[in-house]
């Protein structure tokens, strides 16, 4: 969360001085401008929903639903082989191959 917050803060300051869409307003109100309205917010919600769905797959699957008594010990448990922060996306091959290098 710390890295994401630092990146967001940098992006906030960066967009105060550089514009790509021709919108010349403070960044905290730019989302309301016509150049950013329409399908952009739907696309962002769809994209981030897919990323969030990928993180939900890391939990132990439940049998019979959330309220079933046999699932009480499984609720909000992460799978045994899961590595924190590993979403399985490394198109440039930057992730180290061995545990020692990681």
N, C-alpha and C. Protein backbone atom coordinates (compact mmCIF):
# COMPACT_ATOMS: atom_id res chain seq x y z
N UNK A 1 0.81 -1.17 0.00
CA UNK A 1 0.00 0.00 0.00
C UNK A 1 0.87 1.26 0.00
N UNK A 2 2.04 1.18 0.61
CA UNK A 2 2.92 2.33 0.67
C UNK A 2 3.40 2.75 -0.71
N UNK A 3 3.79 1.77 -1.53
CA UNK A 3 4.26 2.10 -2.88
C UNK A 3 3.14 2.68 -3.73
N UNK A 4 1.95 2.13 -3.59
CA UNK A 4 0.81 2.65 -4.36
C UNK A 4 0.50 4.08 -3.93
N UNK A 5 0.57 4.35 -2.64
CA UNK A 5 0.30 5.71 -2.14
C UNK A 5 1.36 6.69 -2.64
N UNK A 6 2.62 6.27 -2.65
CA UNK A 6 3.68 7.16 -3.15
C UNK A 6 3.50 7.43 -4.64
N UNK A 7 3.13 6.40 -5.40
CA UNK A 7 2.89 6.58 -6.82
C UNK A 7 1.70 7.49 -7.07
N UNK A 8 0.65 7.35 -6.28
CA UNK A 8 -0.53 8.21 -6.43
C UNK A 8 -0.19 9.66 -6.10
N UNK A 9 0.59 9.87 -5.04
CA UNK A 9 0.97 11.23 -4.67
C UNK A 9 1.83 11.87 -5.75
N UNK A 10 2.74 11.10 -6.32
CA UNK A 10 3.58 11.61 -7.42
C UNK A 10 2.72 11.94 -8.63
N UNK A 11 1.77 11.07 -8.95
CA UNK A 11 0.88 11.33 -10.08
C UNK A 11 0.03 12.56 -9.87
N UNK A 12 -0.41 12.78 -8.65
CA UNK A 12 -1.22 13.95 -8.33
C UNK A 12 -0.41 15.22 -8.57
N UNK A 13 0.84 15.25 -8.10
CA UNK A 13 1.68 16.43 -8.30
C UNK A 13 2.09 16.59 -9.76
N UNK A 14 2.35 15.48 -10.45
CA UNK A 14 2.76 15.52 -11.85
C UNK A 14 1.66 16.13 -12.72
N UNK A 15 0.43 15.74 -12.48
CA UNK A 15 -0.67 16.22 -13.32
C UNK A 15 -1.01 17.68 -13.06
N UNK A 16 -0.50 18.24 -11.98
CA UNK A 16 -0.70 19.68 -11.75
C UNK A 16 0.10 20.51 -12.74
N UNK A 17 1.18 19.94 -13.30
CA UNK A 17 2.09 20.69 -14.17
C UNK A 17 2.10 20.20 -15.61
N UNK A 18 1.65 18.99 -15.87
CA UNK A 18 1.68 18.43 -17.22
C UNK A 18 0.26 17.98 -17.57
N UNK A 19 -0.21 18.38 -18.75
CA UNK A 19 -1.54 17.95 -19.18
C UNK A 19 -1.43 17.22 -20.51
N UNK A 20 -2.20 16.16 -20.66
CA UNK A 20 -2.22 15.39 -21.89
C UNK A 20 -3.53 15.57 -22.64
N UNK A 21 -4.57 15.96 -21.94
CA UNK A 21 -5.89 16.03 -22.56
C UNK A 21 -6.32 17.45 -22.89
N UNK A 22 -5.49 18.42 -22.58
CA UNK A 22 -5.87 19.81 -22.82
C UNK A 22 -6.74 20.39 -21.72
N UNK A 23 -6.99 19.63 -20.67
CA UNK A 23 -7.78 20.12 -19.55
C UNK A 23 -6.85 20.90 -18.63
N UNK A 24 -7.18 22.15 -18.42
CA UNK A 24 -6.34 22.99 -17.58
C UNK A 24 -7.11 23.35 -16.32
N UNK A 25 -7.16 22.41 -15.39
CA UNK A 25 -7.83 22.64 -14.12
C UNK A 25 -7.07 21.86 -13.05
N UNK A 26 -7.27 22.20 -11.80
CA UNK A 26 -6.60 21.42 -10.75
C UNK A 26 -7.00 19.95 -10.82
N UNK A 27 -6.08 19.07 -10.48
CA UNK A 27 -6.32 17.65 -10.65
C UNK A 27 -7.44 17.11 -9.76
N UNK A 28 -7.73 17.77 -8.66
CA UNK A 28 -8.78 17.25 -7.80
C UNK A 28 -10.18 17.47 -8.37
N UNK A 29 -10.34 18.28 -9.41
CA UNK A 29 -11.64 18.44 -10.07
C UNK A 29 -11.60 18.03 -11.54
N UNK A 30 -10.46 17.56 -12.02
CA UNK A 30 -10.33 17.23 -13.44
C UNK A 30 -11.21 16.07 -13.87
N UNK A 31 -11.55 15.16 -12.95
CA UNK A 31 -12.39 14.02 -13.32
C UNK A 31 -13.77 14.46 -13.77
N UNK A 32 -14.17 15.67 -13.45
CA UNK A 32 -15.49 16.17 -13.84
C UNK A 32 -15.48 16.81 -15.22
N UNK A 33 -14.31 17.01 -15.81
CA UNK A 33 -14.21 17.70 -17.09
C UNK A 33 -14.69 16.81 -18.23
N UNK A 34 -15.18 17.43 -19.32
CA UNK A 34 -15.75 16.65 -20.42
C UNK A 34 -14.77 15.67 -21.07
N UNK A 35 -13.49 16.01 -21.12
CA UNK A 35 -12.52 15.11 -21.75
C UNK A 35 -12.33 13.80 -21.02
N UNK A 36 -12.70 13.74 -19.76
CA UNK A 36 -12.53 12.53 -18.97
C UNK A 36 -13.85 11.86 -18.61
N UNK A 37 -14.94 12.43 -19.03
CA UNK A 37 -16.23 11.82 -18.70
C UNK A 37 -16.58 10.75 -19.73
N UNK A 38 -17.66 10.11 -19.53
CA UNK A 38 -18.10 9.08 -20.47
C UNK A 38 -17.59 7.71 -20.10
N UNK A 39 -17.02 7.02 -21.06
CA UNK A 39 -16.64 5.63 -20.87
C UNK A 39 -15.36 5.42 -20.09
N UNK A 40 -14.60 6.47 -19.80
CA UNK A 40 -13.34 6.30 -19.08
C UNK A 40 -13.56 5.68 -17.71
N UNK A 41 -14.52 6.18 -16.95
CA UNK A 41 -14.74 5.69 -15.60
C UNK A 41 -15.27 4.26 -15.62
N UNK A 42 -16.08 3.92 -16.60
CA UNK A 42 -16.56 2.54 -16.74
C UNK A 42 -15.39 1.62 -17.02
N UNK A 43 -14.51 2.03 -17.94
CA UNK A 43 -13.33 1.22 -18.28
C UNK A 43 -12.43 1.03 -17.05
N UNK A 44 -12.20 2.09 -16.28
CA UNK A 44 -11.37 1.98 -15.08
C UNK A 44 -12.00 1.04 -14.05
N UNK A 45 -13.31 1.14 -13.86
CA UNK A 45 -14.00 0.27 -12.91
C UNK A 45 -13.91 -1.19 -13.36
N UNK A 46 -14.05 -1.43 -14.65
CA UNK A 46 -13.95 -2.79 -15.18
C UNK A 46 -12.53 -3.34 -15.01
N UNK A 47 -11.54 -2.53 -15.32
CA UNK A 47 -10.15 -2.95 -15.19
C UNK A 47 -9.80 -3.25 -13.74
N UNK A 48 -10.14 -2.36 -12.83
CA UNK A 48 -9.81 -2.56 -11.43
C UNK A 48 -10.64 -3.68 -10.81
N UNK A 49 -11.85 -3.89 -11.30
CA UNK A 49 -12.65 -5.02 -10.83
C UNK A 49 -12.00 -6.34 -11.20
N UNK A 50 -11.39 -6.42 -12.38
CA UNK A 50 -10.68 -7.63 -12.78
C UNK A 50 -9.45 -7.87 -11.91
N UNK A 51 -8.72 -6.80 -11.59
CA UNK A 51 -7.56 -6.94 -10.70
C UNK A 51 -8.00 -7.40 -9.32
N UNK A 52 -9.08 -6.83 -8.82
CA UNK A 52 -9.58 -7.22 -7.50
C UNK A 52 -10.10 -8.66 -7.51
N UNK A 53 -10.72 -9.06 -8.60
CA UNK A 53 -11.18 -10.45 -8.73
C UNK A 53 -10.03 -11.43 -8.69
N UNK A 54 -8.90 -11.04 -9.25
CA UNK A 54 -7.71 -11.89 -9.21
C UNK A 54 -7.21 -12.07 -7.78
N UNK A 55 -7.33 -11.02 -6.98
CA UNK A 55 -6.88 -11.14 -5.58
C UNK A 55 -7.84 -12.01 -4.76
N UNK A 56 -9.11 -12.04 -5.12
CA UNK A 56 -10.09 -12.88 -4.41
C UNK A 56 -9.80 -14.36 -4.65
N UNK A 57 -9.20 -14.68 -5.79
CA UNK A 57 -8.87 -16.07 -6.10
C UNK A 57 -7.80 -16.63 -5.17
N UNK A 58 -7.12 -15.80 -4.40
CA UNK A 58 -6.05 -16.27 -3.51
C UNK A 58 -6.60 -16.85 -2.21
N UNK A 59 -7.90 -16.69 -1.94
CA UNK A 59 -8.49 -17.22 -0.71
C UNK A 59 -8.85 -18.69 -0.87
N UNK A 60 -8.91 -19.38 0.25
CA UNK A 60 -9.29 -20.80 0.26
C UNK A 60 -10.74 -20.90 -0.18
N UNK A 61 -11.05 -21.78 -1.15
CA UNK A 61 -12.45 -21.92 -1.59
C UNK A 61 -13.35 -22.50 -0.49
N UNK A 62 -14.57 -22.06 -0.47
CA UNK A 62 -15.54 -22.48 0.54
C UNK A 62 -16.51 -23.50 -0.05
N UNK A 63 -16.91 -24.46 0.76
CA UNK A 63 -17.90 -25.46 0.34
C UNK A 63 -19.22 -25.16 1.02
N UNK A 64 -20.25 -24.89 0.25
CA UNK A 64 -21.58 -24.69 0.81
C UNK A 64 -21.89 -23.25 1.20
N UNK A 65 -21.07 -22.31 0.87
CA UNK A 65 -21.37 -20.91 1.15
C UNK A 65 -20.68 -20.39 2.40
N UNK A 66 -20.80 -19.10 2.61
CA UNK A 66 -20.11 -18.42 3.70
C UNK A 66 -20.66 -18.82 5.07
N UNK A 67 -21.97 -19.02 5.17
CA UNK A 67 -22.59 -19.27 6.47
C UNK A 67 -22.54 -20.74 6.90
N UNK A 68 -22.00 -21.63 6.07
CA UNK A 68 -21.93 -23.04 6.44
C UNK A 68 -20.94 -23.23 7.58
N UNK A 69 -21.30 -24.07 8.56
CA UNK A 69 -20.45 -24.27 9.74
C UNK A 69 -19.11 -24.89 9.40
N UNK A 70 -19.05 -25.72 8.36
CA UNK A 70 -17.78 -26.35 8.00
C UNK A 70 -16.78 -25.34 7.43
N UNK A 71 -17.25 -24.14 7.07
CA UNK A 71 -16.36 -23.13 6.51
C UNK A 71 -15.87 -22.12 7.54
N UNK A 72 -16.25 -22.29 8.79
CA UNK A 72 -15.88 -21.30 9.81
C UNK A 72 -14.37 -21.14 9.93
N UNK A 73 -13.63 -22.22 9.81
CA UNK A 73 -12.17 -22.14 9.94
C UNK A 73 -11.50 -21.68 8.64
N UNK A 74 -12.23 -21.67 7.53
CA UNK A 74 -11.66 -21.29 6.24
C UNK A 74 -11.88 -19.83 5.87
N UNK A 75 -12.77 -19.15 6.57
CA UNK A 75 -13.10 -17.78 6.17
C UNK A 75 -11.88 -16.87 6.19
N UNK A 76 -11.69 -16.15 5.13
CA UNK A 76 -10.61 -15.17 4.98
C UNK A 76 -9.22 -15.78 5.18
N UNK A 77 -9.06 -17.03 4.79
CA UNK A 77 -7.75 -17.68 4.85
C UNK A 77 -7.17 -17.71 3.43
N UNK A 78 -5.89 -17.39 3.36
CA UNK A 78 -5.21 -17.38 2.06
C UNK A 78 -4.67 -18.78 1.77
N UNK A 79 -4.64 -19.17 0.51
CA UNK A 79 -4.14 -20.48 0.12
C UNK A 79 -2.69 -20.63 0.57
N UNK A 80 -2.30 -21.86 0.84
CA UNK A 80 -0.97 -22.17 1.38
C UNK A 80 0.16 -21.72 0.45
N UNK A 81 0.05 -21.96 -0.83
CA UNK A 81 1.14 -21.67 -1.76
C UNK A 81 1.18 -20.25 -2.27
N UNK A 82 0.34 -19.38 -1.75
CA UNK A 82 0.26 -18.01 -2.27
C UNK A 82 1.44 -17.16 -1.81
N UNK A 83 2.01 -16.41 -2.74
CA UNK A 83 3.09 -15.47 -2.43
C UNK A 83 2.49 -14.07 -2.46
N UNK A 84 2.64 -13.33 -1.37
CA UNK A 84 2.05 -11.99 -1.28
C UNK A 84 2.57 -11.08 -2.38
N UNK A 85 1.65 -10.40 -3.06
CA UNK A 85 2.01 -9.46 -4.11
C UNK A 85 2.24 -10.08 -5.47
N UNK A 86 2.20 -11.39 -5.58
CA UNK A 86 2.43 -12.06 -6.85
C UNK A 86 1.10 -12.28 -7.56
N UNK A 87 0.83 -11.44 -8.55
CA UNK A 87 -0.41 -11.57 -9.32
C UNK A 87 -0.22 -12.41 -10.57
N UNK A 88 0.98 -12.93 -10.78
CA UNK A 88 1.24 -13.76 -11.95
C UNK A 88 1.39 -12.95 -13.22
N UNK A 89 1.68 -11.68 -13.11
CA UNK A 89 1.80 -10.81 -14.28
C UNK A 89 3.21 -10.25 -14.31
N UNK A 90 4.04 -10.73 -15.22
CA UNK A 90 5.40 -10.25 -15.37
C UNK A 90 5.79 -10.34 -16.85
N UNK A 91 5.20 -9.47 -17.70
CA UNK A 91 5.44 -9.60 -19.14
C UNK A 91 6.87 -9.30 -19.55
N UNK A 92 7.62 -8.54 -18.77
CA UNK A 92 9.00 -8.21 -19.13
C UNK A 92 10.01 -9.17 -18.51
N UNK A 93 9.55 -10.10 -17.69
CA UNK A 93 10.43 -11.08 -17.08
C UNK A 93 11.38 -10.47 -16.05
N UNK A 94 10.92 -9.48 -15.29
CA UNK A 94 11.76 -8.80 -14.32
C UNK A 94 11.83 -9.51 -12.97
N UNK A 95 10.88 -10.39 -12.70
CA UNK A 95 10.85 -11.08 -11.41
C UNK A 95 12.00 -12.08 -11.34
N UNK A 96 12.76 -12.08 -10.23
CA UNK A 96 13.84 -13.06 -10.08
C UNK A 96 13.31 -14.48 -10.11
N UNK A 97 14.12 -15.40 -10.61
CA UNK A 97 13.66 -16.79 -10.79
C UNK A 97 13.80 -17.64 -9.53
N UNK A 98 14.74 -17.29 -8.65
CA UNK A 98 14.96 -18.12 -7.46
C UNK A 98 14.55 -17.34 -6.20
N UNK A 99 14.31 -18.09 -5.12
CA UNK A 99 13.94 -17.47 -3.84
C UNK A 99 15.09 -16.62 -3.30
N UNK A 100 16.31 -17.07 -3.53
CA UNK A 100 17.48 -16.35 -3.03
C UNK A 100 17.58 -14.97 -3.70
N UNK A 101 17.35 -14.92 -5.02
CA UNK A 101 17.42 -13.65 -5.75
C UNK A 101 16.26 -12.72 -5.40
N UNK A 102 15.15 -13.32 -5.02
CA UNK A 102 13.98 -12.54 -4.69
C UNK A 102 14.18 -11.81 -3.38
